[in-house]
């Protein structure tokens, strides 16, 4: 799931804390996190299919958060959000 967050903080750990409060007991994992300077934070969150509807509802109920796209393929979500694949350490 691709999301957009408007937040005064841009760190990955702060984003994980916010998502933890919103998604609570749902099975989720933050994959990509792209902080924006003037733009909202773009992030990719893995959500189990059974929890997808609930996660969308919880995230979109907040003024500072919006779901942008969903797909079963991380590659497609990255494309839709304009996020390049992070390089792997060698």
N, C-alpha and C. Protein backbone atom coordinates (compact mmCIF):
# COMPACT_ATOMS: atom_id res chain seq x y z
N UNK A 1 0.84 -1.17 0.00
CA UNK A 1 0.00 0.00 0.00
C UNK A 1 0.89 1.24 0.00
N UNK A 2 0.61 2.15 -0.87
CA UNK A 2 1.35 3.40 -0.91
C UNK A 2 0.58 4.47 -0.16
N UNK A 3 1.26 5.20 0.72
CA UNK A 3 0.59 6.24 1.50
C UNK A 3 1.36 7.55 1.41
N UNK A 4 0.66 8.59 1.75
CA UNK A 4 1.23 9.94 1.81
C UNK A 4 0.93 10.47 3.21
N UNK A 5 1.96 10.97 3.89
CA UNK A 5 1.82 11.51 5.25
C UNK A 5 2.28 12.96 5.27
N UNK A 6 1.47 13.82 5.82
CA UNK A 6 1.89 15.20 6.06
C UNK A 6 2.24 15.25 7.53
N UNK A 7 3.53 15.42 7.81
CA UNK A 7 3.98 15.37 9.19
C UNK A 7 5.11 16.36 9.39
N UNK A 8 5.21 16.89 10.58
CA UNK A 8 6.29 17.81 10.90
C UNK A 8 7.62 17.11 11.04
N UNK A 9 7.59 15.80 11.11
CA UNK A 9 8.82 15.02 11.25
C UNK A 9 8.97 14.11 10.06
N UNK A 10 10.18 13.86 9.66
CA UNK A 10 10.41 13.07 8.45
C UNK A 10 11.22 11.80 8.69
N UNK A 11 11.57 11.49 9.93
CA UNK A 11 12.41 10.31 10.16
C UNK A 11 11.61 9.02 10.01
N UNK A 12 12.32 7.99 9.63
CA UNK A 12 11.69 6.68 9.46
C UNK A 12 11.12 6.17 10.78
N UNK A 13 11.85 6.32 11.86
CA UNK A 13 11.38 5.82 13.15
C UNK A 13 10.12 6.56 13.61
N UNK A 14 10.05 7.87 13.36
CA UNK A 14 8.84 8.62 13.71
C UNK A 14 7.66 8.16 12.86
N UNK A 15 7.92 7.87 11.60
CA UNK A 15 6.88 7.37 10.70
C UNK A 15 6.37 6.00 11.20
N UNK A 16 7.28 5.14 11.61
CA UNK A 16 6.90 3.84 12.15
C UNK A 16 6.06 3.99 13.42
N UNK A 17 6.41 4.95 14.26
CA UNK A 17 5.63 5.20 15.47
C UNK A 17 4.21 5.64 15.14
N UNK A 18 4.09 6.57 14.20
CA UNK A 18 2.77 7.05 13.78
C UNK A 18 1.94 5.90 13.21
N UNK A 19 2.55 5.11 12.33
CA UNK A 19 1.83 3.99 11.73
C UNK A 19 1.45 2.95 12.79
N UNK A 20 2.34 2.74 13.75
CA UNK A 20 2.03 1.80 14.83
C UNK A 20 0.81 2.23 15.63
N UNK A 21 0.68 3.54 15.86
CA UNK A 21 -0.49 4.05 16.58
C UNK A 21 -1.76 3.90 15.74
N UNK A 22 -1.65 4.12 14.44
CA UNK A 22 -2.83 4.05 13.57
C UNK A 22 -3.22 2.61 13.24
N UNK A 23 -2.23 1.76 13.00
CA UNK A 23 -2.53 0.40 12.55
C UNK A 23 -2.57 -0.60 13.69
N UNK A 24 -2.06 -0.21 14.85
CA UNK A 24 -2.15 -1.02 16.06
C UNK A 24 -1.85 -2.49 15.87
N UNK A 25 -2.87 -3.32 16.08
CA UNK A 25 -2.68 -4.77 16.09
C UNK A 25 -2.73 -5.42 14.71
N UNK A 26 -2.85 -4.64 13.64
CA UNK A 26 -2.84 -5.22 12.30
C UNK A 26 -1.43 -5.67 11.94
N UNK A 27 -1.33 -6.65 11.06
CA UNK A 27 -0.04 -7.16 10.60
C UNK A 27 0.47 -6.22 9.51
N UNK A 28 1.50 -5.41 9.82
CA UNK A 28 2.03 -4.44 8.86
C UNK A 28 3.54 -4.32 9.00
N UNK A 29 4.16 -3.78 7.93
CA UNK A 29 5.60 -3.53 7.94
C UNK A 29 5.87 -2.35 7.01
N UNK A 30 6.68 -1.41 7.47
CA UNK A 30 7.08 -0.27 6.65
C UNK A 30 8.24 -0.71 5.74
N UNK A 31 8.02 -0.66 4.43
CA UNK A 31 9.08 -1.00 3.47
C UNK A 31 9.90 0.22 3.11
N UNK A 32 9.33 1.09 2.33
CA UNK A 32 10.05 2.27 1.85
C UNK A 32 9.54 3.52 2.56
N UNK A 33 10.45 4.46 2.75
CA UNK A 33 10.13 5.73 3.40
C UNK A 33 10.91 6.81 2.69
N UNK A 34 10.19 7.74 2.07
CA UNK A 34 10.84 8.82 1.33
C UNK A 34 10.38 10.14 1.92
N UNK A 35 11.22 10.76 2.75
CA UNK A 35 10.83 12.04 3.34
C UNK A 35 10.80 13.13 2.29
N UNK A 36 9.87 14.04 2.42
CA UNK A 36 9.79 15.18 1.51
C UNK A 36 10.18 16.44 2.24
N UNK A 37 10.76 17.38 1.54
CA UNK A 37 11.10 18.65 2.16
C UNK A 37 9.84 19.52 2.25
N UNK A 38 9.28 19.86 1.12
CA UNK A 38 8.04 20.62 1.11
C UNK A 38 6.86 19.71 0.79
N UNK A 39 7.16 18.53 0.23
CA UNK A 39 6.13 17.57 -0.14
C UNK A 39 5.84 16.64 1.03
N UNK A 40 4.71 15.96 0.97
CA UNK A 40 4.42 14.95 2.01
C UNK A 40 5.40 13.78 1.95
N UNK A 41 5.50 13.06 3.04
CA UNK A 41 6.29 11.83 3.10
C UNK A 41 5.56 10.79 2.26
N UNK A 42 6.31 10.07 1.44
CA UNK A 42 5.75 8.94 0.70
C UNK A 42 6.29 7.67 1.34
N UNK A 43 5.42 6.70 1.53
CA UNK A 43 5.85 5.47 2.17
C UNK A 43 5.10 4.28 1.58
N UNK A 44 5.74 3.12 1.68
CA UNK A 44 5.11 1.87 1.27
C UNK A 44 5.00 0.99 2.50
N UNK A 45 3.79 0.54 2.76
CA UNK A 45 3.50 -0.29 3.92
C UNK A 45 2.93 -1.62 3.44
N UNK A 46 3.51 -2.72 3.93
CA UNK A 46 2.96 -4.04 3.62
C UNK A 46 1.84 -4.32 4.62
N UNK A 47 0.70 -4.67 4.10
CA UNK A 47 -0.47 -5.00 4.91
C UNK A 47 -0.99 -6.35 4.45
N UNK A 48 -1.33 -7.22 5.37
CA UNK A 48 -1.93 -8.49 4.99
C UNK A 48 -3.26 -8.25 4.30
N UNK A 49 -3.59 -9.09 3.33
CA UNK A 49 -4.81 -8.92 2.55
C UNK A 49 -6.05 -8.88 3.44
N UNK A 50 -6.07 -9.69 4.47
CA UNK A 50 -7.23 -9.73 5.37
C UNK A 50 -7.41 -8.41 6.13
N UNK A 51 -6.32 -7.65 6.31
CA UNK A 51 -6.37 -6.40 7.06
C UNK A 51 -6.42 -5.15 6.18
N UNK A 52 -6.43 -5.34 4.87
CA UNK A 52 -6.31 -4.22 3.95
C UNK A 52 -7.45 -3.19 4.10
N UNK A 53 -8.68 -3.64 4.10
CA UNK A 53 -9.83 -2.73 4.21
C UNK A 53 -9.77 -1.93 5.52
N UNK A 54 -9.46 -2.61 6.61
CA UNK A 54 -9.38 -1.96 7.92
C UNK A 54 -8.25 -0.93 7.93
N UNK A 55 -7.10 -1.29 7.35
CA UNK A 55 -5.96 -0.38 7.31
C UNK A 55 -6.30 0.87 6.50
N UNK A 56 -6.93 0.71 5.35
CA UNK A 56 -7.32 1.86 4.52
C UNK A 56 -8.26 2.77 5.29
N UNK A 57 -9.21 2.19 5.96
CA UNK A 57 -10.17 2.97 6.75
C UNK A 57 -9.47 3.75 7.86
N UNK A 58 -8.58 3.09 8.59
CA UNK A 58 -7.87 3.75 9.69
C UNK A 58 -6.97 4.87 9.19
N UNK A 59 -6.23 4.61 8.13
CA UNK A 59 -5.29 5.62 7.62
C UNK A 59 -6.02 6.82 7.03
N UNK A 60 -7.07 6.57 6.26
CA UNK A 60 -7.80 7.67 5.62
C UNK A 60 -8.69 8.45 6.60
N UNK A 61 -8.86 7.94 7.80
CA UNK A 61 -9.67 8.66 8.79
C UNK A 61 -8.88 9.81 9.43
N UNK A 62 -7.58 9.88 9.15
CA UNK A 62 -6.73 10.92 9.70
C UNK A 62 -6.52 12.03 8.66
N UNK A 63 -6.51 13.28 9.10
CA UNK A 63 -6.31 14.40 8.18
C UNK A 63 -4.92 14.42 7.58
N UNK A 64 -3.93 13.93 8.29
CA UNK A 64 -2.54 14.01 7.86
C UNK A 64 -2.08 12.80 7.05
N UNK A 65 -2.97 11.85 6.80
CA UNK A 65 -2.58 10.61 6.13
C UNK A 65 -3.57 10.28 5.03
N UNK A 66 -3.05 9.75 3.92
CA UNK A 66 -3.91 9.37 2.80
C UNK A 66 -3.31 8.15 2.09
N UNK A 67 -4.15 7.16 1.83
CA UNK A 67 -3.68 6.05 1.01
C UNK A 67 -3.75 6.49 -0.45
N UNK A 68 -2.70 6.18 -1.19
CA UNK A 68 -2.60 6.63 -2.57
C UNK A 68 -2.86 5.49 -3.54
N UNK A 69 -2.33 4.30 -3.24
CA UNK A 69 -2.47 3.17 -4.14
C UNK A 69 -2.30 1.87 -3.37
N UNK A 70 -2.85 0.81 -3.92
CA UNK A 70 -2.63 -0.52 -3.37
C UNK A 70 -2.35 -1.47 -4.53
N UNK A 71 -1.58 -2.49 -4.23
CA UNK A 71 -1.26 -3.52 -5.22
C UNK A 71 -0.61 -4.67 -4.48
N UNK A 72 -0.69 -5.84 -5.06
CA UNK A 72 0.00 -7.00 -4.50
C UNK A 72 1.48 -7.00 -4.84
N UNK A 73 1.90 -6.08 -5.67
CA UNK A 73 3.30 -6.02 -6.11
C UNK A 73 3.95 -4.71 -5.63
N UNK A 74 5.01 -4.84 -4.86
CA UNK A 74 5.74 -3.67 -4.35
C UNK A 74 6.26 -2.83 -5.52
N UNK A 75 6.71 -3.50 -6.58
CA UNK A 75 7.24 -2.80 -7.76
C UNK A 75 6.20 -1.83 -8.33
N UNK A 76 4.94 -2.27 -8.41
CA UNK A 76 3.89 -1.40 -8.94
C UNK A 76 3.60 -0.22 -8.02
N UNK A 77 3.61 -0.45 -6.73
CA UNK A 77 3.38 0.64 -5.78
C UNK A 77 4.51 1.66 -5.88
N UNK A 78 5.75 1.17 -5.98
CA UNK A 78 6.90 2.08 -6.15
C UNK A 78 6.74 2.92 -7.42
N UNK A 79 6.35 2.28 -8.51
CA UNK A 79 6.15 3.00 -9.77
C UNK A 79 5.10 4.10 -9.61
N UNK A 80 3.99 3.76 -9.01
CA UNK A 80 2.88 4.70 -8.86
C UNK A 80 3.23 5.88 -7.96
N UNK A 81 4.10 5.66 -6.98
CA UNK A 81 4.52 6.73 -6.08
C UNK A 81 5.76 7.46 -6.56
N UNK A 82 6.37 6.95 -7.62
CA UNK A 82 7.60 7.56 -8.13
C UNK A 82 8.80 7.32 -7.24
N UNK A 83 8.84 6.16 -6.60
CA UNK A 83 9.93 5.80 -5.70
C UNK A 83 10.82 4.80 -6.41
N UNK A 84 12.13 5.06 -6.43
CA UNK A 84 13.05 4.10 -7.03
C UNK A 84 13.39 3.02 -6.01
N UNK A 85 13.73 1.87 -6.52
CA UNK A 85 14.08 0.74 -5.65
C UNK A 85 15.37 1.06 -4.91
N UNK A 86 15.38 0.89 -3.59
CA UNK A 86 16.62 1.18 -2.84
C UNK A 86 17.72 0.20 -3.22
N UNK A 87 18.94 0.70 -3.25
CA UNK A 87 20.06 -0.20 -3.58
C UNK A 87 20.39 -1.09 -2.40
N UNK A 88 20.79 -2.28 -2.70
CA UNK A 88 21.15 -3.24 -1.66
C UNK A 88 22.62 -3.08 -1.29
N UNK A 89 22.95 -3.19 -0.02
CA UNK A 89 24.37 -3.12 0.37
C UNK A 89 25.11 -4.32 -0.18
N UNK A 90 26.34 -4.11 -0.57
CA UNK A 90 27.14 -5.23 -1.13
C UNK A 90 28.11 -5.77 -0.14
